[in-house]
N, C-alpha and C. Protein backbone atom coordinates (compact mmCIF):
# COMPACT_ATOMS: atom_id res chain seq x y z
N MET A 1 59.95 -75.67 -32.30
CA MET A 1 58.63 -75.72 -32.93
C MET A 1 58.42 -74.74 -34.07
N PRO A 2 58.20 -75.01 -35.36
CA PRO A 2 57.99 -74.22 -36.21
C PRO A 2 56.64 -73.17 -35.99
N ILE A 3 56.60 -72.02 -36.89
CA ILE A 3 55.62 -71.23 -36.86
C ILE A 3 54.22 -72.13 -37.32
N SER A 4 53.02 -71.92 -36.70
CA SER A 4 51.77 -72.64 -37.02
C SER A 4 50.81 -71.71 -36.94
N ILE A 5 49.76 -71.79 -37.88
CA ILE A 5 48.75 -71.01 -38.08
C ILE A 5 47.25 -71.81 -38.00
N SER A 6 46.40 -71.77 -37.11
CA SER A 6 45.21 -72.48 -37.18
C SER A 6 44.14 -71.68 -36.79
N ILE A 7 42.97 -72.40 -37.25
CA ILE A 7 41.60 -71.62 -36.96
C ILE A 7 41.16 -71.99 -35.64
N VAL A 8 40.78 -71.08 -34.69
CA VAL A 8 40.07 -71.46 -33.43
C VAL A 8 38.70 -71.18 -33.50
N SER A 9 38.08 -72.16 -33.08
CA SER A 9 36.57 -72.20 -33.10
C SER A 9 35.91 -72.02 -31.56
N GLU A 10 36.56 -72.43 -30.70
CA GLU A 10 35.98 -72.27 -29.36
C GLU A 10 36.84 -71.45 -28.59
N ARG A 11 36.04 -70.96 -27.37
CA ARG A 11 36.72 -69.91 -26.58
C ARG A 11 37.52 -68.74 -27.21
N LYS A 12 37.01 -68.18 -28.16
CA LYS A 12 37.74 -66.98 -29.04
C LYS A 12 37.96 -65.84 -28.21
N LYS A 13 37.23 -65.75 -27.21
CA LYS A 13 37.41 -64.36 -26.19
C LYS A 13 38.66 -64.56 -25.27
N ASP A 14 39.38 -65.90 -25.39
CA ASP A 14 40.56 -65.89 -24.72
C ASP A 14 41.46 -65.19 -25.30
N PHE A 15 41.40 -64.67 -26.59
CA PHE A 15 42.30 -63.86 -27.39
C PHE A 15 41.70 -62.36 -27.49
N LEU A 16 41.06 -62.06 -26.44
CA LEU A 16 40.50 -60.75 -26.48
C LEU A 16 41.58 -59.35 -26.12
N ASP A 17 42.67 -60.00 -25.35
CA ASP A 17 43.71 -58.93 -25.05
C ASP A 17 44.24 -58.39 -26.47
N LEU A 18 44.68 -59.49 -27.17
CA LEU A 18 45.39 -59.28 -28.40
C LEU A 18 44.36 -58.73 -29.50
N LEU A 19 43.19 -59.25 -29.56
CA LEU A 19 42.00 -58.58 -30.25
C LEU A 19 41.91 -57.03 -30.22
N LEU A 20 42.05 -56.62 -28.76
CA LEU A 20 41.84 -55.47 -28.54
C LEU A 20 42.78 -54.34 -29.14
N LEU A 21 44.07 -54.92 -29.52
CA LEU A 21 45.16 -54.19 -30.06
C LEU A 21 44.75 -53.76 -31.61
N GLY A 22 43.73 -54.59 -32.10
CA GLY A 22 43.40 -54.32 -33.49
C GLY A 22 42.14 -53.55 -33.62
N ASP A 23 41.33 -53.77 -32.83
CA ASP A 23 39.90 -53.03 -32.54
C ASP A 23 39.73 -52.65 -31.15
N GLU A 24 39.88 -51.38 -30.69
CA GLU A 24 40.01 -51.06 -29.32
C GLU A 24 38.60 -51.09 -28.43
N GLN A 25 37.65 -51.50 -28.98
CA GLN A 25 36.12 -51.49 -28.24
C GLN A 25 35.62 -52.85 -28.42
N GLU A 26 35.64 -53.44 -27.25
CA GLU A 26 35.08 -54.88 -27.01
C GLU A 26 33.73 -55.00 -27.69
N ASP A 27 32.73 -54.02 -27.64
CA ASP A 27 31.40 -54.44 -28.22
C ASP A 27 31.40 -54.26 -29.59
N MET A 28 32.63 -53.80 -30.38
CA MET A 28 32.63 -53.76 -31.91
C MET A 28 33.36 -55.28 -32.16
N ILE A 29 34.18 -55.64 -31.24
CA ILE A 29 34.75 -57.06 -31.60
C ILE A 29 33.58 -58.06 -31.38
N ASP A 30 32.65 -57.70 -30.50
CA ASP A 30 31.67 -58.97 -30.16
C ASP A 30 30.55 -58.94 -31.48
N ARG A 31 30.64 -57.99 -32.38
CA ARG A 31 29.83 -57.76 -33.60
C ARG A 31 30.25 -58.89 -34.49
N TYR A 32 31.41 -59.25 -34.65
CA TYR A 32 32.02 -60.10 -35.68
C TYR A 32 32.80 -61.51 -35.12
N LEU A 33 33.26 -61.25 -33.87
CA LEU A 33 34.14 -62.49 -33.62
C LEU A 33 33.58 -64.06 -33.59
N GLU A 34 32.36 -64.12 -33.24
CA GLU A 34 31.70 -65.39 -33.24
C GLU A 34 31.38 -65.88 -34.51
N GLN A 35 30.98 -64.94 -35.60
CA GLN A 35 30.71 -65.27 -36.79
C GLN A 35 31.92 -65.51 -37.76
N GLY A 36 32.95 -64.81 -37.43
CA GLY A 36 34.06 -64.91 -38.12
C GLY A 36 35.09 -66.01 -37.82
N ASP A 37 36.04 -66.28 -38.77
CA ASP A 37 37.14 -67.11 -38.77
C ASP A 37 38.26 -66.77 -37.89
N LEU A 38 38.70 -67.11 -36.67
CA LEU A 38 39.69 -66.84 -35.88
C LEU A 38 41.00 -67.37 -36.29
N PHE A 39 42.01 -66.79 -36.96
CA PHE A 39 43.29 -67.27 -37.29
C PHE A 39 44.28 -66.90 -35.91
N VAL A 40 44.86 -67.92 -35.59
CA VAL A 40 46.09 -67.51 -34.42
C VAL A 40 47.14 -68.25 -35.09
N LEU A 41 48.33 -67.37 -34.95
CA LEU A 41 49.69 -67.62 -35.35
C LEU A 41 50.41 -67.80 -34.09
N ARG A 42 51.02 -68.99 -33.99
CA ARG A 42 51.99 -69.34 -32.70
C ARG A 42 53.33 -69.60 -33.32
N ASP A 43 54.39 -68.99 -32.54
CA ASP A 43 55.72 -69.07 -32.67
C ASP A 43 56.32 -69.09 -31.18
N HIS A 44 56.33 -70.15 -30.59
CA HIS A 44 56.79 -70.26 -29.14
C HIS A 44 55.80 -69.15 -28.38
N GLY A 45 54.41 -69.35 -28.53
CA GLY A 45 53.37 -68.75 -27.99
C GLY A 45 52.71 -67.76 -29.22
N VAL A 46 51.39 -67.39 -28.72
CA VAL A 46 50.58 -66.65 -29.63
C VAL A 46 51.31 -65.35 -30.10
N LYS A 47 51.43 -64.96 -31.26
CA LYS A 47 52.12 -63.78 -31.76
C LYS A 47 51.21 -62.85 -32.42
N CYS A 48 50.26 -63.58 -33.01
CA CYS A 48 49.46 -62.80 -34.08
C CYS A 48 47.99 -63.42 -34.17
N VAL A 49 46.97 -62.59 -34.47
CA VAL A 49 45.47 -63.07 -34.85
C VAL A 49 44.84 -62.35 -35.74
N CYS A 50 44.08 -62.80 -36.38
CA CYS A 50 43.21 -62.37 -37.55
C CYS A 50 41.90 -62.92 -37.63
N VAL A 51 40.90 -62.11 -37.56
CA VAL A 51 39.37 -62.53 -37.73
C VAL A 51 38.89 -61.95 -39.19
N VAL A 52 38.42 -63.12 -39.97
CA VAL A 52 37.68 -62.93 -41.27
C VAL A 52 36.41 -63.42 -41.25
N THR A 53 35.27 -62.52 -41.93
CA THR A 53 34.08 -62.85 -42.11
C THR A 53 33.80 -62.96 -43.44
N GLN A 54 32.55 -63.74 -43.56
CA GLN A 54 32.00 -63.90 -45.19
C GLN A 54 30.98 -62.59 -45.22
N GLU A 55 31.15 -61.70 -46.16
CA GLU A 55 30.45 -60.68 -46.38
C GLU A 55 29.39 -60.83 -47.38
N ALA A 56 29.81 -61.28 -48.34
CA ALA A 56 28.77 -61.64 -49.42
C ALA A 56 29.39 -62.69 -50.22
N ASP A 57 28.42 -63.03 -51.28
CA ASP A 57 29.18 -64.08 -52.15
C ASP A 57 30.46 -63.82 -52.97
N GLY A 58 31.43 -64.56 -52.56
CA GLY A 58 32.75 -64.24 -53.06
C GLY A 58 33.68 -63.24 -52.40
N VAL A 59 33.05 -62.61 -51.15
CA VAL A 59 33.65 -61.23 -50.70
C VAL A 59 33.84 -61.81 -49.13
N VAL A 60 35.18 -61.90 -48.79
CA VAL A 60 35.42 -61.91 -47.30
C VAL A 60 36.26 -60.64 -46.80
N GLU A 61 36.15 -60.43 -45.50
CA GLU A 61 36.55 -59.08 -45.03
C GLU A 61 37.44 -59.51 -43.73
N ILE A 62 38.84 -58.95 -43.62
CA ILE A 62 39.50 -58.96 -42.45
C ILE A 62 38.96 -57.85 -41.70
N LYS A 63 38.40 -58.34 -40.43
CA LYS A 63 37.87 -57.51 -39.47
C LYS A 63 38.92 -57.10 -38.49
N ASN A 64 39.93 -57.93 -38.13
CA ASN A 64 40.80 -57.73 -37.12
C ASN A 64 42.12 -58.41 -37.36
N LEU A 65 43.11 -57.56 -37.28
CA LEU A 65 44.52 -58.19 -37.47
C LEU A 65 45.45 -57.58 -36.30
N ALA A 66 46.03 -58.35 -35.53
CA ALA A 66 46.85 -57.88 -34.49
C ALA A 66 47.94 -58.70 -34.07
N THR A 67 49.03 -58.17 -33.96
CA THR A 67 50.43 -58.76 -33.55
C THR A 67 50.73 -58.18 -32.11
N GLU A 68 51.26 -59.12 -31.33
CA GLU A 68 51.32 -58.48 -30.07
C GLU A 68 52.56 -57.44 -30.06
N ALA A 69 52.37 -56.36 -29.42
CA ALA A 69 53.20 -55.12 -29.64
C ALA A 69 54.67 -55.33 -29.58
N ARG A 70 55.27 -56.15 -28.67
CA ARG A 70 56.69 -56.50 -29.01
C ARG A 70 57.36 -57.18 -30.12
N TYR A 71 56.39 -57.87 -30.77
CA TYR A 71 56.65 -58.66 -31.77
C TYR A 71 56.25 -57.91 -33.09
N GLN A 72 55.76 -56.75 -33.20
CA GLN A 72 55.46 -55.95 -34.54
C GLN A 72 56.60 -55.63 -35.30
N GLY A 73 56.62 -55.76 -36.50
CA GLY A 73 57.77 -55.45 -37.34
C GLY A 73 58.71 -56.70 -37.59
N GLN A 74 58.22 -57.82 -37.13
CA GLN A 74 58.92 -59.07 -37.33
C GLN A 74 58.48 -60.17 -38.28
N GLY A 75 57.39 -59.46 -39.22
CA GLY A 75 56.83 -60.33 -40.21
C GLY A 75 55.75 -61.31 -39.83
N TYR A 76 55.38 -61.35 -38.61
CA TYR A 76 54.19 -62.22 -38.46
C TYR A 76 52.93 -61.50 -39.08
N GLY A 77 52.79 -60.24 -39.12
CA GLY A 77 51.55 -59.84 -39.95
C GLY A 77 51.40 -60.14 -41.13
N THR A 78 52.55 -60.02 -41.95
CA THR A 78 52.69 -60.28 -43.22
C THR A 78 52.49 -61.82 -43.59
N ARG A 79 52.91 -62.74 -42.54
CA ARG A 79 52.95 -64.37 -42.72
C ARG A 79 51.45 -64.59 -42.57
N MET A 80 50.70 -63.88 -41.63
CA MET A 80 49.27 -64.02 -41.54
C MET A 80 48.67 -63.78 -42.76
N MET A 81 48.90 -62.54 -43.37
CA MET A 81 48.23 -62.02 -44.38
C MET A 81 48.48 -63.08 -45.74
N GLU A 82 49.35 -63.67 -45.85
CA GLU A 82 49.78 -64.66 -46.92
C GLU A 82 48.90 -65.90 -46.46
N HIS A 83 48.80 -66.33 -45.31
CA HIS A 83 48.08 -67.34 -44.95
C HIS A 83 46.59 -67.33 -45.22
N VAL A 84 46.11 -66.07 -44.92
CA VAL A 84 44.48 -65.81 -45.17
C VAL A 84 44.46 -65.67 -46.31
N SER A 85 45.06 -65.11 -47.12
CA SER A 85 44.98 -64.95 -48.75
C SER A 85 45.02 -66.38 -49.37
N GLY A 86 45.80 -67.24 -48.97
CA GLY A 86 45.81 -68.52 -49.56
C GLY A 86 44.64 -69.48 -48.86
N HIS A 87 44.21 -69.12 -47.80
CA HIS A 87 43.20 -69.85 -47.22
C HIS A 87 41.79 -69.64 -48.02
N TYR A 88 41.64 -68.41 -48.67
CA TYR A 88 40.47 -68.14 -49.13
C TYR A 88 40.55 -67.83 -50.65
N GLN A 89 41.76 -68.27 -50.96
CA GLN A 89 42.14 -68.29 -52.37
C GLN A 89 41.07 -69.15 -53.45
N GLY A 90 40.33 -68.31 -54.31
CA GLY A 90 39.34 -68.90 -55.06
C GLY A 90 38.94 -68.12 -56.40
N CYS A 91 38.19 -68.71 -57.27
CA CYS A 91 37.93 -68.16 -58.45
C CYS A 91 37.20 -66.89 -58.07
N GLY A 92 37.58 -65.65 -58.38
CA GLY A 92 36.89 -64.47 -58.51
C GLY A 92 36.49 -63.94 -57.01
N ARG A 93 37.34 -64.43 -56.08
CA ARG A 93 37.01 -63.86 -54.55
C ARG A 93 37.81 -62.64 -54.47
N ILE A 94 37.33 -61.75 -53.60
CA ILE A 94 37.64 -60.67 -52.99
C ILE A 94 37.90 -60.65 -51.71
N LEU A 95 39.16 -60.23 -51.17
CA LEU A 95 39.59 -60.08 -49.85
C LEU A 95 39.50 -58.42 -49.35
N LEU A 96 38.55 -58.01 -48.49
CA LEU A 96 38.64 -56.57 -48.13
C LEU A 96 39.33 -56.45 -46.79
N VAL A 97 39.59 -55.09 -46.36
CA VAL A 97 40.16 -54.80 -45.18
C VAL A 97 39.86 -53.42 -44.88
N GLY A 98 39.36 -53.15 -43.77
CA GLY A 98 39.07 -51.61 -43.49
C GLY A 98 40.02 -51.20 -42.35
N THR A 99 40.44 -50.09 -42.48
CA THR A 99 41.61 -49.67 -41.63
C THR A 99 41.24 -48.02 -41.49
N GLY A 100 41.89 -47.42 -40.51
CA GLY A 100 42.00 -46.13 -40.41
C GLY A 100 42.94 -45.44 -41.23
N GLU A 101 43.04 -44.12 -41.20
CA GLU A 101 43.89 -43.53 -42.09
C GLU A 101 45.45 -43.43 -41.72
N SER A 102 45.91 -44.35 -40.87
CA SER A 102 47.20 -44.38 -40.50
C SER A 102 48.11 -44.65 -41.55
N PRO A 103 48.97 -44.03 -42.03
CA PRO A 103 49.82 -44.18 -43.31
C PRO A 103 50.70 -45.64 -43.12
N ARG A 104 51.00 -45.95 -41.77
CA ARG A 104 51.78 -47.06 -41.44
C ARG A 104 50.82 -48.35 -41.96
N HIS A 105 49.63 -48.39 -41.56
CA HIS A 105 48.79 -49.37 -41.75
C HIS A 105 48.35 -49.58 -43.24
N ILE A 106 48.41 -48.38 -43.85
CA ILE A 106 47.83 -48.44 -45.36
C ILE A 106 49.07 -48.93 -46.17
N ARG A 107 50.32 -48.46 -45.76
CA ARG A 107 51.55 -49.10 -46.51
C ARG A 107 51.45 -50.52 -46.13
N PHE A 108 51.44 -51.05 -45.00
CA PHE A 108 51.42 -52.45 -44.62
C PHE A 108 50.48 -53.11 -45.66
N TYR A 109 49.21 -52.94 -45.85
CA TYR A 109 48.29 -53.47 -46.63
C TYR A 109 48.59 -53.51 -48.10
N ARG A 110 49.22 -52.26 -48.47
CA ARG A 110 49.59 -52.08 -50.00
C ARG A 110 50.63 -53.10 -50.22
N ARG A 111 51.61 -53.44 -49.35
CA ARG A 111 52.86 -54.21 -49.47
C ARG A 111 52.25 -55.62 -49.55
N CYS A 112 51.11 -55.87 -48.86
CA CYS A 112 50.48 -57.27 -49.16
C CYS A 112 49.59 -57.50 -50.31
N GLY A 113 49.70 -56.41 -51.00
CA GLY A 113 48.76 -56.71 -52.39
C GLY A 113 47.47 -56.01 -52.48
N PHE A 114 47.11 -55.13 -51.45
CA PHE A 114 45.92 -54.71 -51.50
C PHE A 114 45.91 -53.30 -52.23
N GLU A 115 44.79 -52.68 -52.78
CA GLU A 115 44.59 -51.53 -53.41
C GLU A 115 43.46 -50.83 -53.00
N TYR A 116 43.13 -49.65 -53.01
CA TYR A 116 42.35 -48.70 -52.65
C TYR A 116 40.71 -49.19 -53.06
N SER A 117 39.93 -49.34 -52.08
CA SER A 117 38.52 -49.59 -52.90
C SER A 117 37.48 -48.59 -52.56
N HIS A 118 37.29 -48.18 -51.24
CA HIS A 118 36.35 -46.91 -50.94
C HIS A 118 36.37 -46.65 -49.44
N ARG A 119 35.69 -45.69 -49.13
CA ARG A 119 36.00 -44.94 -48.04
C ARG A 119 34.40 -44.91 -47.20
N LEU A 120 34.33 -45.12 -45.91
CA LEU A 120 33.14 -44.79 -45.19
C LEU A 120 33.48 -43.67 -44.19
N LYS A 121 32.70 -42.55 -44.65
CA LYS A 121 32.86 -41.15 -43.87
C LYS A 121 32.48 -41.42 -42.46
N ASP A 122 33.23 -40.94 -41.51
CA ASP A 122 32.97 -40.74 -40.11
C ASP A 122 32.63 -42.07 -39.37
N PHE A 123 33.38 -43.26 -39.92
CA PHE A 123 33.03 -44.43 -39.39
C PHE A 123 33.51 -44.47 -37.93
N PHE A 124 34.75 -44.09 -37.59
CA PHE A 124 35.24 -44.20 -36.39
C PHE A 124 34.66 -43.23 -35.28
N VAL A 125 33.99 -42.12 -35.79
CA VAL A 125 33.25 -40.99 -35.09
C VAL A 125 31.92 -41.61 -34.67
N ASN A 126 31.54 -42.22 -35.57
CA ASN A 126 29.94 -42.64 -35.37
C ASN A 126 29.85 -44.02 -34.62
N ASN A 127 30.95 -44.73 -34.48
CA ASN A 127 30.84 -46.13 -33.88
C ASN A 127 31.76 -46.41 -32.68
N TYR A 128 32.73 -45.37 -32.37
CA TYR A 128 33.40 -45.52 -31.16
C TYR A 128 33.20 -44.40 -30.27
N ARG A 129 33.05 -44.76 -28.81
CA ARG A 129 32.79 -43.96 -27.98
C ARG A 129 33.97 -42.82 -27.66
N GLU A 130 35.22 -43.32 -27.77
CA GLU A 130 36.43 -42.42 -27.60
C GLU A 130 36.98 -42.40 -28.84
N PRO A 131 37.73 -41.05 -29.04
CA PRO A 131 38.48 -41.04 -30.22
C PRO A 131 39.53 -41.94 -30.28
N ILE A 132 39.97 -42.25 -31.59
CA ILE A 132 40.97 -43.24 -31.71
C ILE A 132 41.95 -42.41 -32.37
N VAL A 133 43.31 -42.49 -31.88
CA VAL A 133 44.54 -41.82 -32.58
C VAL A 133 45.58 -43.03 -32.87
N GLU A 134 45.98 -43.14 -34.07
CA GLU A 134 47.08 -43.85 -34.28
C GLU A 134 48.09 -43.22 -34.97
N ASP A 135 49.20 -43.34 -34.65
CA ASP A 135 50.57 -42.66 -35.14
C ASP A 135 50.46 -41.22 -35.45
N GLY A 136 49.63 -40.61 -34.22
CA GLY A 136 49.36 -39.26 -34.55
C GLY A 136 48.31 -38.83 -35.19
N VAL A 137 47.41 -39.66 -35.81
CA VAL A 137 46.18 -39.44 -36.80
C VAL A 137 45.17 -39.66 -35.99
N LEU A 138 44.08 -38.68 -35.83
CA LEU A 138 42.77 -38.97 -35.42
C LEU A 138 41.91 -39.79 -36.36
N LEU A 139 41.53 -40.83 -36.09
CA LEU A 139 40.82 -41.52 -36.99
C LEU A 139 39.49 -41.21 -37.20
N LYS A 140 38.91 -40.90 -38.44
CA LYS A 140 37.52 -40.49 -38.75
C LYS A 140 36.96 -41.46 -39.73
N ASP A 141 37.54 -41.44 -40.95
CA ASP A 141 36.90 -42.35 -41.83
C ASP A 141 37.48 -43.64 -41.89
N MET A 142 36.89 -44.74 -42.42
CA MET A 142 37.22 -46.02 -42.47
C MET A 142 37.65 -46.27 -44.02
N ILE A 143 38.96 -46.56 -44.07
CA ILE A 143 39.37 -46.84 -45.60
C ILE A 143 39.31 -48.19 -45.97
N TYR A 144 38.83 -48.45 -47.00
CA TYR A 144 38.78 -49.99 -47.44
C TYR A 144 39.63 -50.29 -48.54
N LEU A 145 40.50 -51.38 -48.42
CA LEU A 145 41.32 -51.83 -49.45
C LEU A 145 40.90 -53.16 -49.81
N LYS A 146 41.19 -53.54 -51.11
CA LYS A 146 40.70 -54.96 -51.57
C LYS A 146 41.92 -55.46 -52.23
N LYS A 147 41.68 -56.75 -52.26
CA LYS A 147 42.88 -57.74 -53.03
C LYS A 147 41.87 -58.83 -53.62
N ALA A 148 42.23 -59.10 -55.03
CA ALA A 148 41.76 -59.97 -55.71
C ALA A 148 42.29 -61.33 -55.40
N LEU A 149 41.47 -62.41 -54.99
CA LEU A 149 42.22 -63.85 -54.71
C LEU A 149 42.07 -64.70 -55.90
């Protein structure tokens, strides 16, 4: 069976374990999961998920992108980004993504065509109960990147 990507509109919480890889606090996921589009990539089982919300006229935002840990680095995240970009392709649309200051994640999004947009100071400090460390970096600010579609 070839790789497939579909939008799931019911029982989105069935994917919570995977969503928690992309956003470590369930109540934060609850803020956007039901209003967002949940994309699920399957390749002999679920490998990657992505949640995208409509933020403003012509602006959509990736709120969560997560690939099963054992399948990271195998192109599933890139494939998902290509699909999401194509899905929202349109005249003057902007795709935003917010991430921590992990160099690995910033490099990934830059490879996918994103460029720096802005920063939200102390986002992780003010919105998460526990400190979040990724790749040895304590996350404080949310770094926003954007891509014209």
